[in-house]
Amino acid sequence: MATTIQISEELQEELNKKKFFDRETYEEVIWDLLEDTMELSEETKRDIKQAEKDFKEGRYKTLEQVEKELGV
């Protein structure tokens, strides 16, 4: 169910500044802002720990290496 809310012109201006593209809705902007405060899932936490371990153990490629492999 959709609803209407009232916001000040000042808040509207701030939300406009947060848009990634002109046609982005205020709902999308608000969801993006909320996402920054949400807890990471357990799967994401595990993936981050694994990535940190891989990095420490030298299992990564630099941007230059990837570009060379792709011929970019």
Protein backbone atom coordinates (compact mmCIF):
# COMPACT_ATOMS: atom_id res chain seq x y z
CA MET A 1 0.00 0.00 0.00
CA ALA A 2 1.41 3.36 -1.01
CA THR A 3 1.07 6.40 1.20
CA THR A 4 1.84 10.08 0.98
CA ILE A 5 4.09 11.90 3.42
CA GLN A 6 4.85 15.56 3.90
CA ILE A 7 8.42 16.78 3.96
CA SER A 8 9.91 20.24 4.14
CA GLU A 9 11.43 21.91 1.11
CA GLU A 10 14.78 21.73 2.89
CA LEU A 11 14.54 17.93 3.21
CA GLN A 12 13.40 17.64 -0.40
CA GLU A 13 16.49 19.57 -1.50
CA GLU A 14 18.73 17.27 0.55
CA LEU A 15 17.06 14.17 -0.90
CA ASN A 16 17.58 15.59 -4.39
CA LYS A 17 21.30 15.90 -3.66
CA LYS A 18 21.42 12.19 -2.76
CA LYS A 19 19.98 11.04 -6.10
CA PHE A 20 22.33 9.05 -8.30
CA PHE A 21 20.33 9.97 -11.40
CA ASP A 22 17.60 12.51 -12.17
CA ARG A 23 14.72 10.07 -12.52
CA GLU A 24 15.47 8.25 -9.25
CA THR A 25 12.47 8.28 -6.92
CA TYR A 26 12.52 9.56 -3.37
CA GLU A 27 11.62 6.04 -2.24
CA GLU A 28 14.77 4.70 -3.90
CA VAL A 29 16.85 7.43 -2.26
CA ILE A 30 15.38 6.65 1.16
CA TRP A 31 15.98 2.89 0.73
CA ASP A 32 19.61 3.60 -0.21
CA LEU A 33 20.02 5.69 2.93
CA LEU A 34 18.40 3.01 5.10
CA GLU A 35 20.59 0.30 3.60
CA ASP A 36 23.64 2.06 5.01
CA THR A 37 22.29 1.50 8.53
CA MET A 38 21.09 -2.10 8.12
CA GLU A 39 22.93 -5.03 9.65
CA LEU A 40 24.97 -7.19 7.29
CA SER A 41 23.72 -10.73 6.74
CA GLU A 42 25.71 -13.63 8.17
CA GLU A 43 26.59 -14.72 4.63
CA THR A 44 27.99 -11.26 3.83
CA LYS A 45 30.00 -11.25 7.05
CA ARG A 46 31.50 -14.65 6.14
CA ASP A 47 32.30 -13.43 2.62
CA ILE A 48 34.08 -10.36 4.00
CA LYS A 49 36.15 -12.50 6.39
CA GLN A 50 37.07 -14.86 3.55
CA ALA A 51 38.06 -11.93 1.32
CA GLU A 52 40.25 -10.49 4.09
CA LYS A 53 41.93 -13.87 4.53
CA ASP A 54 42.48 -14.23 0.78
CA PHE A 55 44.02 -10.78 0.63
CA LYS A 56 46.36 -11.43 3.56
CA GLU A 57 47.48 -14.68 1.93
CA GLY A 58 48.14 -12.98 -1.40
CA ARG A 59 45.21 -14.48 -3.29
CA TYR A 60 44.15 -11.41 -5.24
CA LYS A 61 44.81 -9.66 -8.54
CA THR A 62 45.59 -6.01 -9.11
CA LEU A 63 43.56 -3.89 -11.50
CA GLU A 64 46.53 -3.86 -13.84
CA GLN A 65 46.67 -7.68 -13.86
CA VAL A 66 42.98 -7.98 -14.64
CA GLU A 67 43.19 -5.36 -17.40
CA LYS A 68 46.12 -7.23 -18.95
CA GLU A 69 44.24 -10.55 -18.82
CA LEU A 70 41.19 -8.96 -20.43
CA GLY A 71 43.24 -7.05 -22.98
CA VAL A 72 41.96 -3.70 -21.84
